[in-house]
């Protein structure tokens, strides 16, 4: 299963529960009692994401690192609302009531890593930013045909 499809599946199943979950960083949500909103949890890191010369994230974020060094990041801004009354909501039934940025970096041993994001307007990180390489404490991409990108992520607490 591709990582994008896996993340899409995880976020849909996580949102359907409307309870606190730990599936992927952007699906770390808490249901507010009496509401059908899915709201972000407290950040545990700091992120800087620059795409095409424009800062998309510059501040607190959620960070979830996998054992192979791959990680998810989330600016902790997106809020989703169930389009239906009650708690019976699936991925496509959610409406974005506040936009936010999130994505993931996949480590490829011996090759550049892959970076994908949600472009700030989707509930899945399906848009590729292309291959990126480590440059100091950040990841950068300057490949022809891809936007120039820089991603820096620092964990600030466990």
Protein backbone atom coordinates (compact mmCIF):
# COMPACT_ATOMS: atom_id res chain seq x y z
CA UNK A 1 0.00 0.00 0.00
CA UNK A 2 1.41 3.40 -0.88
CA UNK A 3 2.20 5.79 1.99
CA UNK A 4 -0.30 8.36 0.64
CA UNK A 5 -3.07 5.76 0.45
CA UNK A 6 -2.13 4.49 3.91
CA UNK A 7 -2.29 8.03 5.37
CA UNK A 8 -5.60 8.71 3.61
CA UNK A 9 -7.04 5.50 5.06
CA UNK A 10 -5.73 6.30 8.55
CA UNK A 11 -7.11 9.83 8.60
CA UNK A 12 -10.52 8.66 7.42
CA UNK A 13 -10.70 5.96 10.09
CA UNK A 14 -9.36 8.34 12.75
CA UNK A 15 -11.90 11.04 11.96
CA UNK A 16 -14.74 8.54 11.91
CA UNK A 17 -14.21 7.77 15.59
CA UNK A 18 -14.48 11.42 16.74
CA UNK A 19 -12.32 10.57 19.73
CA UNK A 20 -8.71 11.26 20.60
CA UNK A 21 -6.55 9.12 18.32
CA UNK A 22 -2.91 8.65 17.53
CA UNK A 23 -2.77 7.50 13.93
CA UNK A 24 -0.92 10.26 12.07
CA UNK A 25 0.05 13.74 13.15
CA UNK A 26 -2.79 15.52 11.39
CA UNK A 27 -5.31 13.05 12.73
CA UNK A 28 -4.37 13.68 16.36
CA UNK A 29 -7.69 15.23 17.19
CA UNK A 30 -10.04 15.67 20.09
CA UNK A 31 -13.81 15.74 19.86
CA UNK A 32 -15.35 18.59 21.84
CA UNK A 33 -18.31 17.31 23.89
CA UNK A 34 -21.57 18.53 22.41
CA UNK A 35 -20.04 19.45 19.07
CA UNK A 36 -19.22 17.64 15.86
CA UNK A 37 -15.95 19.52 15.39
CA UNK A 38 -12.62 17.76 15.16
CA UNK A 39 -10.01 20.09 16.63
CA UNK A 40 -6.21 19.86 16.87
CA UNK A 41 -4.25 18.77 19.93
CA UNK A 42 -1.32 20.54 21.61
CA UNK A 43 1.85 20.90 19.45
CA UNK A 44 5.06 19.06 20.36
CA UNK A 45 7.47 20.70 17.92
CA UNK A 46 8.39 23.64 15.75
CA UNK A 47 8.20 23.62 11.94
CA UNK A 48 9.32 25.77 9.05
CA UNK A 49 7.91 24.92 5.61
CA UNK A 50 8.75 27.12 2.63
CA UNK A 51 7.26 26.21 -0.75
CA UNK A 52 8.07 28.22 -3.86
CA UNK A 53 9.61 30.99 -1.73
CA UNK A 54 6.51 31.39 0.49
CA UNK A 55 6.37 30.45 4.18
CA UNK A 56 3.52 28.02 4.75
CA UNK A 57 4.39 27.00 8.31
CA UNK A 58 6.62 28.93 10.71
CA UNK A 59 5.87 28.06 14.31
CA UNK A 60 4.46 25.41 16.64
CA UNK A 61 3.45 22.11 15.05
CA UNK A 62 2.71 18.47 15.73
CA UNK A 63 5.54 16.07 14.89
CA UNK A 64 5.35 12.27 14.77
CA UNK A 65 8.61 10.45 13.92
CA UNK A 66 8.68 6.84 12.72
CA UNK A 67 11.43 4.38 13.62
CA UNK A 68 13.08 4.77 10.18
CA UNK A 69 13.31 8.57 10.53
CA UNK A 70 10.29 9.31 8.33
CA UNK A 71 7.92 11.78 9.97
CA UNK A 72 4.61 13.58 9.77
CA UNK A 73 4.16 17.27 10.52
CA UNK A 74 1.07 19.42 11.07
CA UNK A 75 0.68 23.15 11.74
CA UNK A 76 -2.15 22.33 14.15
CA UNK A 77 -4.58 24.77 12.52
CA UNK A 78 -7.02 22.67 10.48
CA UNK A 79 -10.47 22.15 11.96
CA UNK A 80 -12.98 19.71 10.48
CA UNK A 81 -16.74 19.58 11.03
CA UNK A 82 -19.00 16.62 10.36
CA UNK A 83 -21.48 17.44 7.58
CA UNK A 84 -24.13 15.29 9.29
CA UNK A 85 -25.80 15.42 12.69
CA UNK A 86 -24.61 12.87 15.20
CA UNK A 87 -21.36 10.99 15.41
CA UNK A 88 -21.67 8.93 12.22
CA UNK A 89 -19.08 10.69 10.08
CA UNK A 90 -16.59 9.28 7.57
CA UNK A 91 -13.68 11.02 5.82
CA UNK A 92 -15.63 12.43 2.87
CA UNK A 93 -18.39 13.63 5.21
CA UNK A 94 -16.08 16.12 6.92
CA UNK A 95 -16.00 19.77 5.93
CA UNK A 96 -12.89 21.87 6.45
CA UNK A 97 -13.94 24.83 8.59
CA UNK A 98 -10.40 26.16 9.05
CA UNK A 99 -7.51 25.41 6.74
CA UNK A 100 -4.10 24.22 7.84
CA UNK A 101 -0.96 22.57 6.51
CA UNK A 102 0.32 19.07 7.16
CA UNK A 103 2.32 16.43 5.38
CA UNK A 104 4.92 13.72 5.65
CA UNK A 105 8.50 13.01 4.72
CA UNK A 106 9.32 9.43 3.72
CA UNK A 107 12.92 8.26 4.08
CA UNK A 108 14.26 6.23 1.14
CA UNK A 109 17.56 4.52 2.03
CA UNK A 110 20.29 5.52 -0.42
CA UNK A 111 18.00 7.94 -2.31
CA UNK A 112 16.42 11.34 -1.70
CA UNK A 113 13.46 11.37 0.67
CA UNK A 114 9.93 12.07 -0.62
CA UNK A 115 7.94 15.02 0.72
CA UNK A 116 4.15 15.35 0.38
CA UNK A 117 1.62 17.81 1.80
CA UNK A 118 -2.06 18.76 1.72
CA UNK A 119 -1.50 22.16 0.04
CA UNK A 120 -3.35 23.73 2.98
CA UNK A 121 -6.78 22.88 1.64
CA UNK A 122 -7.23 19.10 1.63
CA UNK A 123 -7.81 16.58 4.41
CA UNK A 124 -5.10 14.26 3.01
CA UNK A 125 -1.46 14.89 2.13
CA UNK A 126 -1.75 13.74 -1.47
CA UNK A 127 0.34 16.40 -3.24
CA UNK A 128 4.01 15.58 -3.75
CA UNK A 129 6.64 18.26 -3.29
CA UNK A 130 9.18 15.98 -4.92
CA UNK A 131 12.48 14.55 -3.75
CA UNK A 132 14.31 16.29 -0.89
CA UNK A 133 17.77 15.88 0.62
CA UNK A 134 19.14 16.64 4.06
CA UNK A 135 20.87 20.02 4.37
CA UNK A 136 22.01 20.62 7.94
CA UNK A 137 18.96 20.41 10.18
CA UNK A 138 16.50 20.77 7.30
CA UNK A 139 15.34 19.04 4.14
CA UNK A 140 15.52 20.88 0.81
CA UNK A 141 14.28 20.18 -2.69
CA UNK A 142 15.48 21.93 -5.82
CA UNK A 143 14.81 19.29 -8.47
CA UNK A 144 13.77 20.45 -11.96
CA UNK A 145 10.03 20.28 -12.43
CA UNK A 146 9.32 20.55 -8.68
CA UNK A 147 8.82 23.66 -6.54
CA UNK A 148 11.77 24.80 -4.43
CA UNK A 149 11.02 23.59 -0.93
CA UNK A 150 12.59 23.72 2.52
CA UNK A 151 11.30 21.84 5.56
CA UNK A 152 12.77 22.10 9.06
CA UNK A 153 11.20 20.24 11.97
CA UNK A 154 12.31 20.27 15.61
CA UNK A 155 10.67 18.28 18.40
CA UNK A 156 10.26 20.44 21.51
CA UNK A 157 8.68 17.92 23.90
CA UNK A 158 7.61 14.27 24.07
